[in-house]
Amino acid sequence: MGNEKTYYARQSIKLSEEAKQSIVVPSDIIKECNDDRLLGMRVRGMLITKIKECDEHIIYMKSFIENN
């Protein structure tokens, strides 16, 4: 059972690493922003937030693997 949990944790890490490569920008955000500079800032903020969340998840999963 421990090997199975480790396998899924490693898969979760891999998916989180891949998730850091792209974001989905809702069309509402694009429609709301009339200024491309503002849109770029919002998109960059979304990407930074997503990367941070993915990194936190990766750290958690790595500690899970180490403790099992």
PDB file of N, CA and C in Angstrom:
ATOM      1  N   MET A   1       0.816  -1.195   0.000  1.00  0.00           N
ATOM      2  CA  MET A   1       0.000   0.000   0.000  1.00  0.00           C
ATOM      3  C   MET A   1       0.863   1.264   0.000  1.00  0.00           C
ATOM      4  N   GLY A   2       2.005   1.215   0.699  1.00  0.00           N
ATOM      5  CA  GLY A   2       2.894   2.365   0.751  1.00  0.00           C
ATOM      6  C   GLY A   2       3.458   2.706  -0.618  1.00  0.00           C
ATOM      7  N   ASN A   3       3.796   1.684  -1.393  1.00  0.00           N
ATOM      8  CA  ASN A   3       4.327   1.924  -2.744  1.00  0.00           C
ATOM      9  C   ASN A   3       3.292   2.586  -3.637  1.00  0.00           C
ATOM     10  N   GLU A   4       2.048   2.204  -3.450  1.00  0.00           N
ATOM     11  CA  GLU A   4       0.968   2.778  -4.250  1.00  0.00           C
ATOM     12  C   GLU A   4       0.792   4.266  -3.909  1.00  0.00           C
ATOM     13  N   LYS A   5       0.848   4.593  -2.623  1.00  0.00           N
ATOM     14  CA  LYS A   5       0.725   5.996  -2.209  1.00  0.00           C
ATOM     15  C   LYS A   5       1.895   6.816  -2.744  1.00  0.00           C
ATOM     16  N   THR A   6       3.078   6.231  -2.692  1.00  0.00           N
ATOM     17  CA  THR A   6       4.262   6.931  -3.209  1.00  0.00           C
ATOM     18  C   THR A   6       4.138   7.147  -4.711  1.00  0.00           C
ATOM     19  N   TYR A   7       3.638   6.156  -5.411  1.00  0.00           N
ATOM     20  CA  TYR A   7       3.442   6.274  -6.857  1.00  0.00           C
ATOM     21  C   TYR A   7       2.497   7.443  -7.174  1.00  0.00           C
ATOM     22  N   TYR A   8       1.365   7.504  -6.469  1.00  0.00           N
ATOM     23  CA  TYR A   8       0.404   8.577  -6.724  1.00  0.00           C
ATOM     24  C   TYR A   8       0.959   9.932  -6.320  1.00  0.00           C
ATOM     25  N   ALA A   9       1.747   9.978  -5.264  1.00  0.00           N
ATOM     26  CA  ALA A   9       2.366  11.238  -4.854  1.00  0.00           C
ATOM     27  C   ALA A   9       3.343  11.713  -5.928  1.00  0.00           C
ATOM     28  N   ARG A  10       4.124  10.792  -6.482  1.00  0.00           N
ATOM     29  CA  ARG A  10       5.059  11.164  -7.551  1.00  0.00           C
ATOM     30  C   ARG A  10       4.320  11.636  -8.807  1.00  0.00           C
ATOM     31  N   GLN A  11       3.212  10.983  -9.113  1.00  0.00           N
ATOM     32  CA  GLN A  11       2.393  11.404 -10.258  1.00  0.00           C
ATOM     33  C   GLN A  11       1.823  12.797 -10.011  1.00  0.00           C
ATOM     34  N   SER A  12       1.413  13.057  -8.776  1.00  0.00           N
ATOM     35  CA  SER A  12       0.874  14.366  -8.428  1.00  0.00           C
ATOM     36  C   SER A  12       1.941  15.450  -8.578  1.00  0.00           C
ATOM     37  N   ILE A  13       3.169  15.133  -8.194  1.00  0.00           N
ATOM     38  CA  ILE A  13       4.282  16.068  -8.365  1.00  0.00           C
ATOM     39  C   ILE A  13       4.508  16.349  -9.843  1.00  0.00           C
ATOM     40  N   LYS A  14       4.489  15.297 -10.644  1.00  0.00           N
ATOM     41  CA  LYS A  14       4.696  15.460 -12.083  1.00  0.00           C
ATOM     42  C   LYS A  14       3.598  16.342 -12.699  1.00  0.00           C
ATOM     43  N   LEU A  15       2.353  16.106 -12.313  1.00  0.00           N
ATOM     44  CA  LEU A  15       1.251  16.912 -12.828  1.00  0.00           C
ATOM     45  C   LEU A  15       1.374  18.367 -12.386  1.00  0.00           C
ATOM     46  N   SER A  16       1.819  18.584 -11.161  1.00  0.00           N
ATOM     47  CA  SER A  16       2.000  19.958 -10.673  1.00  0.00           C
ATOM     48  C   SER A  16       3.105  20.669 -11.441  1.00  0.00           C
ATOM     49  N   GLU A  17       4.182  19.950 -11.751  1.00  0.00           N
ATOM     50  CA  GLU A  17       5.268  20.546 -12.543  1.00  0.00           C
ATOM     51  C   GLU A  17       4.754  20.942 -13.931  1.00  0.00           C
ATOM     52  N   GLU A  18       3.959  20.070 -14.531  1.00  0.00           N
ATOM     53  CA  GLU A  18       3.394  20.372 -15.848  1.00  0.00           C
ATOM     54  C   GLU A  18       2.395  21.528 -15.774  1.00  0.00           C
ATOM     55  N   ALA A  19       1.633  21.599 -14.695  1.00  0.00           N
ATOM     56  CA  ALA A  19       0.612  22.636 -14.547  1.00  0.00           C
ATOM     57  C   ALA A  19       1.228  24.030 -14.461  1.00  0.00           C
ATOM     58  N   LYS A  20       2.473  24.106 -14.019  1.00  0.00           N
ATOM     59  CA  LYS A  20       3.130  25.404 -13.904  1.00  0.00           C
ATOM     60  C   LYS A  20       3.445  26.013 -15.266  1.00  0.00           C
ATOM     61  N   GLN A  21       3.312  25.239 -16.326  1.00  0.00           N
ATOM     62  CA  GLN A  21       3.692  25.687 -17.660  1.00  0.00           C
ATOM     63  C   GLN A  21       2.612  26.499 -18.370  1.00  0.00           C
ATOM     64  N   SER A  22       1.372  26.474 -17.864  1.00  0.00           N
ATOM     65  CA  SER A  22       0.308  27.185 -18.576  1.00  0.00           C
ATOM     66  C   SER A  22      -0.805  27.583 -17.618  1.00  0.00           C
ATOM     67  N   ILE A  23      -1.625  28.520 -18.071  1.00  0.00           N
ATOM     68  CA  ILE A  23      -2.819  28.922 -17.326  1.00  0.00           C
ATOM     69  C   ILE A  23      -3.974  29.077 -18.304  1.00  0.00           C
ATOM     70  N   VAL A  24      -5.169  29.078 -17.758  1.00  0.00           N
ATOM     71  CA  VAL A  24      -6.372  29.348 -18.535  1.00  0.00           C
ATOM     72  C   VAL A  24      -6.887  30.708 -18.078  1.00  0.00           C
ATOM     73  N   VAL A  25      -7.040  31.608 -19.019  1.00  0.00           N
ATOM     74  CA  VAL A  25      -7.540  32.948 -18.706  1.00  0.00           C
ATOM     75  C   VAL A  25      -9.010  33.000 -19.096  1.00  0.00           C
ATOM     76  N   PRO A  26      -9.895  33.175 -18.104  1.00  0.00           N
ATOM     77  CA  PRO A  26     -11.320  33.251 -18.418  1.00  0.00           C
ATOM     78  C   PRO A  26     -11.611  34.423 -19.365  1.00  0.00           C
ATOM     79  N   SER A  27     -12.540  34.200 -20.259  1.00  0.00           N
ATOM     80  CA  SER A  27     -12.868  35.242 -21.246  1.00  0.00           C
ATOM     81  C   SER A  27     -13.381  36.512 -20.582  1.00  0.00           C
ATOM     82  N   ASP A  28     -14.009  36.393 -19.419  1.00  0.00           N
ATOM     83  CA  ASP A  28     -14.496  37.583 -18.711  1.00  0.00           C
ATOM     84  C   ASP A  28     -13.354  38.527 -18.360  1.00  0.00           C
ATOM     85  N   ILE A  29     -12.236  37.969 -17.965  1.00  0.00           N
ATOM     86  CA  ILE A  29     -11.084  38.806 -17.622  1.00  0.00           C
ATOM     87  C   ILE A  29     -10.580  39.533 -18.869  1.00  0.00           C
ATOM     88  N   ILE A  30     -10.531  38.826 -19.967  1.00  0.00           N
ATOM     89  CA  ILE A  30     -10.067  39.445 -21.214  1.00  0.00           C
ATOM     90  C   ILE A  30     -11.024  40.550 -21.648  1.00  0.00           C
ATOM     91  N   LYS A  31     -12.330  40.298 -21.543  1.00  0.00           N
ATOM     92  CA  LYS A  31     -13.331  41.291 -21.935  1.00  0.00           C
ATOM     93  C   LYS A  31     -13.296  42.523 -21.040  1.00  0.00           C
ATOM     94  N   GLU A  32     -13.045  42.327 -19.746  1.00  0.00           N
ATOM     95  CA  GLU A  32     -13.044  43.432 -18.781  1.00  0.00           C
ATOM     96  C   GLU A  32     -11.890  44.399 -18.998  1.00  0.00           C
ATOM     97  N   CYS A  33     -10.766  43.885 -19.470  1.00  0.00           N
ATOM     98  CA  CYS A  33      -9.562  44.709 -19.589  1.00  0.00           C
ATOM     99  C   CYS A  33      -9.501  45.375 -20.957  1.00  0.00           C
ATOM    100  N   ASN A  34      -9.640  46.675 -20.955  1.00  0.00           N
ATOM    101  CA  ASN A  34      -9.516  47.435 -22.197  1.00  0.00           C
ATOM    102  C   ASN A  34      -8.068  47.813 -22.469  1.00  0.00           C
ATOM    103  N   ASP A  35      -7.252  47.754 -21.451  1.00  0.00           N
ATOM    104  CA  ASP A  35      -5.847  48.119 -21.550  1.00  0.00           C
ATOM    105  C   ASP A  35      -5.006  46.838 -21.569  1.00  0.00           C
ATOM    106  N   ASP A  36      -4.254  46.636 -22.639  1.00  0.00           N
ATOM    107  CA  ASP A  36      -3.448  45.420 -22.760  1.00  0.00           C
ATOM    108  C   ASP A  36      -2.392  45.303 -21.662  1.00  0.00           C
ATOM    109  N   ARG A  37      -1.902  46.442 -21.203  1.00  0.00           N
ATOM    110  CA  ARG A  37      -0.907  46.426 -20.141  1.00  0.00           C
ATOM    111  C   ARG A  37      -1.522  45.883 -18.851  1.00  0.00           C
ATOM    112  N   LEU A  38      -2.731  46.320 -18.553  1.00  0.00           N
ATOM    113  CA  LEU A  38      -3.446  45.835 -17.377  1.00  0.00           C
ATOM    114  C   LEU A  38      -3.753  44.346 -17.508  1.00  0.00           C
ATOM    115  N   LEU A  39      -4.163  43.937 -18.691  1.00  0.00           N
ATOM    116  CA  LEU A  39      -4.432  42.518 -18.931  1.00  0.00           C
ATOM    117  C   LEU A  39      -3.172  41.699 -18.700  1.00  0.00           C
ATOM    118  N   GLY A  40      -2.057  42.166 -19.212  1.00  0.00           N
ATOM    119  CA  GLY A  40      -0.791  41.458 -19.017  1.00  0.00           C
ATOM    120  C   GLY A  40      -0.421  41.341 -17.548  1.00  0.00           C
ATOM    121  N   MET A  41      -0.664  42.398 -16.796  1.00  0.00           N
ATOM    122  CA  MET A  41      -0.373  42.375 -15.358  1.00  0.00           C
ATOM    123  C   MET A  41      -1.269  41.367 -14.639  1.00  0.00           C
ATOM    124  N   ARG A  42      -2.532  41.332 -15.021  1.00  0.00           N
ATOM    125  CA  ARG A  42      -3.463  40.370 -14.394  1.00  0.00           C
ATOM    126  C   ARG A  42      -3.091  38.938 -14.739  1.00  0.00           C
ATOM    127  N   VAL A  43      -2.737  38.701 -15.994  1.00  0.00           N
ATOM    128  CA  VAL A  43      -2.355  37.356 -16.417  1.00  0.00           C
ATOM    129  C   VAL A  43      -1.066  36.939 -15.707  1.00  0.00           C
ATOM    130  N   ARG A  44      -0.105  37.840 -15.626  1.00  0.00           N
ATOM    131  CA  ARG A  44       1.142  37.541 -14.921  1.00  0.00           C
ATOM    132  C   ARG A  44       0.851  37.215 -13.456  1.00  0.00           C
ATOM    133  N   GLY A  45      -0.036  37.974 -12.828  1.00  0.00           N
ATOM    134  CA  GLY A  45      -0.419  37.702 -11.445  1.00  0.00           C
ATOM    135  C   GLY A  45      -1.058  36.334 -11.283  1.00  0.00           C
ATOM    136  N   MET A  46      -1.907  35.965 -12.252  1.00  0.00           N
ATOM    137  CA  MET A  46      -2.534  34.640 -12.211  1.00  0.00           C
ATOM    138  C   MET A  46      -1.485  33.545 -12.317  1.00  0.00           C
ATOM    139  N   LEU A  47      -0.515  33.735 -13.206  1.00  0.00           N
ATOM    140  CA  LEU A  47       0.530  32.737 -13.394  1.00  0.00           C
ATOM    141  C   LEU A  47       1.402  32.613 -12.148  1.00  0.00           C
ATOM    142  N   ILE A  48       1.772  33.728 -11.569  1.00  0.00           N
ATOM    143  CA  ILE A  48       2.593  33.708 -10.353  1.00  0.00           C
ATOM    144  C   ILE A  48       1.866  32.982  -9.227  1.00  0.00           C
ATOM    145  N   THR A  49       0.571  33.254  -9.078  1.00  0.00           N
ATOM    146  CA  THR A  49      -0.227  32.584  -8.048  1.00  0.00           C
ATOM    147  C   THR A  49      -0.289  31.084  -8.294  1.00  0.00           C
ATOM    148  N   LYS A  50      -0.501  30.699  -9.539  1.00  0.00           N
ATOM    149  CA  LYS A  50      -0.596  29.274  -9.862  1.00  0.00           C
ATOM    150  C   LYS A  50       0.728  28.571  -9.603  1.00  0.00           C
ATOM    151  N   ILE A  51       1.831  29.185  -9.986  1.00  0.00           N
ATOM    152  CA  ILE A  51       3.144  28.587  -9.758  1.00  0.00           C
ATOM    153  C   ILE A  51       3.397  28.425  -8.262  1.00  0.00           C
ATOM    154  N   LYS A  52       3.040  29.436  -7.483  1.00  0.00           N
ATOM    155  CA  LYS A  52       3.222  29.373  -6.034  1.00  0.00           C
ATOM    156  C   LYS A  52       2.420  28.217  -5.444  1.00  0.00           C
ATOM    157  N   GLU A  53       1.164  28.090  -5.857  1.00  0.00           N
ATOM    158  CA  GLU A  53       0.318  27.008  -5.354  1.00  0.00           C
ATOM    159  C   GLU A  53       0.852  25.638  -5.764  1.00  0.00           C
ATOM    160  N   CYS A  54       1.333  25.526  -6.985  1.00  0.00           N
ATOM    161  CA  CYS A  54       1.905  24.263  -7.448  1.00  0.00           C
ATOM    162  C   CYS A  54       3.167  23.920  -6.655  1.00  0.00           C
ATOM    163  N   ASP A  55       4.015  24.911  -6.425  1.00  0.00           N
ATOM    164  CA  ASP A  55       5.232  24.683  -5.654  1.00  0.00           C
ATOM    165  C   ASP A  55       4.917  24.230  -4.230  1.00  0.00           C
ATOM    166  N   GLU A  56       3.901  24.833  -3.615  1.00  0.00           N
ATOM    167  CA  GLU A  56       3.488  24.417  -2.273  1.00  0.00           C
ATOM    168  C   GLU A  56       2.996  22.974  -2.268  1.00  0.00           C
ATOM    169  N   HIS A  57       2.247  22.609  -3.307  1.00  0.00           N
ATOM    170  CA  HIS A  57       1.751  21.233  -3.417  1.00  0.00           C
ATOM    171  C   HIS A  57       2.917  20.260  -3.610  1.00  0.00           C
ATOM    172  N   ILE A  58       3.882  20.633  -4.418  1.00  0.00           N
ATOM    173  CA  ILE A  58       5.047  19.779  -4.655  1.00  0.00           C
ATOM    174  C   ILE A  58       5.821  19.562  -3.358  1.00  0.00           C
ATOM    175  N   ILE A  59       6.023  20.616  -2.594  1.00  0.00           N
ATOM    176  CA  ILE A  59       6.723  20.495  -1.308  1.00  0.00           C
ATOM    177  C   ILE A  59       5.958  19.554  -0.381  1.00  0.00           C
ATOM    178  N   TYR A  60       4.638  19.715  -0.336  1.00  0.00           N
ATOM    179  CA  TYR A  60       3.817  18.846   0.499  1.00  0.00           C
ATOM    180  C   TYR A  60       3.945  17.384   0.070  1.00  0.00           C
ATOM    181  N   MET A  61       3.855  17.126  -1.217  1.00  0.00           N
ATOM    182  CA  MET A  61       3.937  15.750  -1.709  1.00  0.00           C
ATOM    183  C   MET A  61       5.323  15.145  -1.462  1.00  0.00           C
ATOM    184  N   LYS A  62       6.368  15.946  -1.615  1.00  0.00           N
ATOM    185  CA  LYS A  62       7.724  15.444  -1.354  1.00  0.00           C
ATOM    186  C   LYS A  62       7.881  15.078   0.128  1.00  0.00           C
ATOM    187  N   SER A  63       7.308  15.899   1.008  1.00  0.00           N
ATOM    188  CA  SER A  63       7.383  15.563   2.438  1.00  0.00           C
ATOM    189  C   SER A  63       6.549  14.319   2.731  1.00  0.00           C
ATOM    190  N   PHE A  64       5.449  14.139   2.033  1.00  0.00           N
ATOM    191  CA  PHE A  64       4.624  12.947   2.178  1.00  0.00           C
ATOM    192  C   PHE A  64       5.430  11.707   1.794  1.00  0.00           C
ATOM    193  N   ILE A  65       6.155  11.798   0.681  1.00  0.00           N
ATOM    194  CA  ILE A  65       6.964  10.657   0.228  1.00  0.00           C
ATOM    195  C   ILE A  65       8.061  10.351   1.248  1.00  0.00           C
ATOM    196  N   GLU A  66       8.720  11.389   1.752  1.00  0.00           N
ATOM    197  CA  GLU A  66       9.811  11.184   2.702  1.00  0.00           C
ATOM    198  C   GLU A  66       9.337  10.566   4.015  1.00  0.00           C
ATOM    199  N   ASN A  67       8.116  10.884   4.414  1.00  0.00           N
ATOM    200  CA  ASN A  67       7.590  10.391   5.692  1.00  0.00           C
ATOM    201  C   ASN A  67       6.931   9.020   5.581  1.00  0.00           C
ATOM    202  N   ASN A  68       6.824   8.489   4.394  1.00  0.00           N
ATOM    203  CA  ASN A  68       6.208   7.151   4.219  1.00  0.00           C
ATOM    204  C   ASN A  68       7.197   6.126   3.810  1.00  0.00           C
TER     205      ASN A  68
END
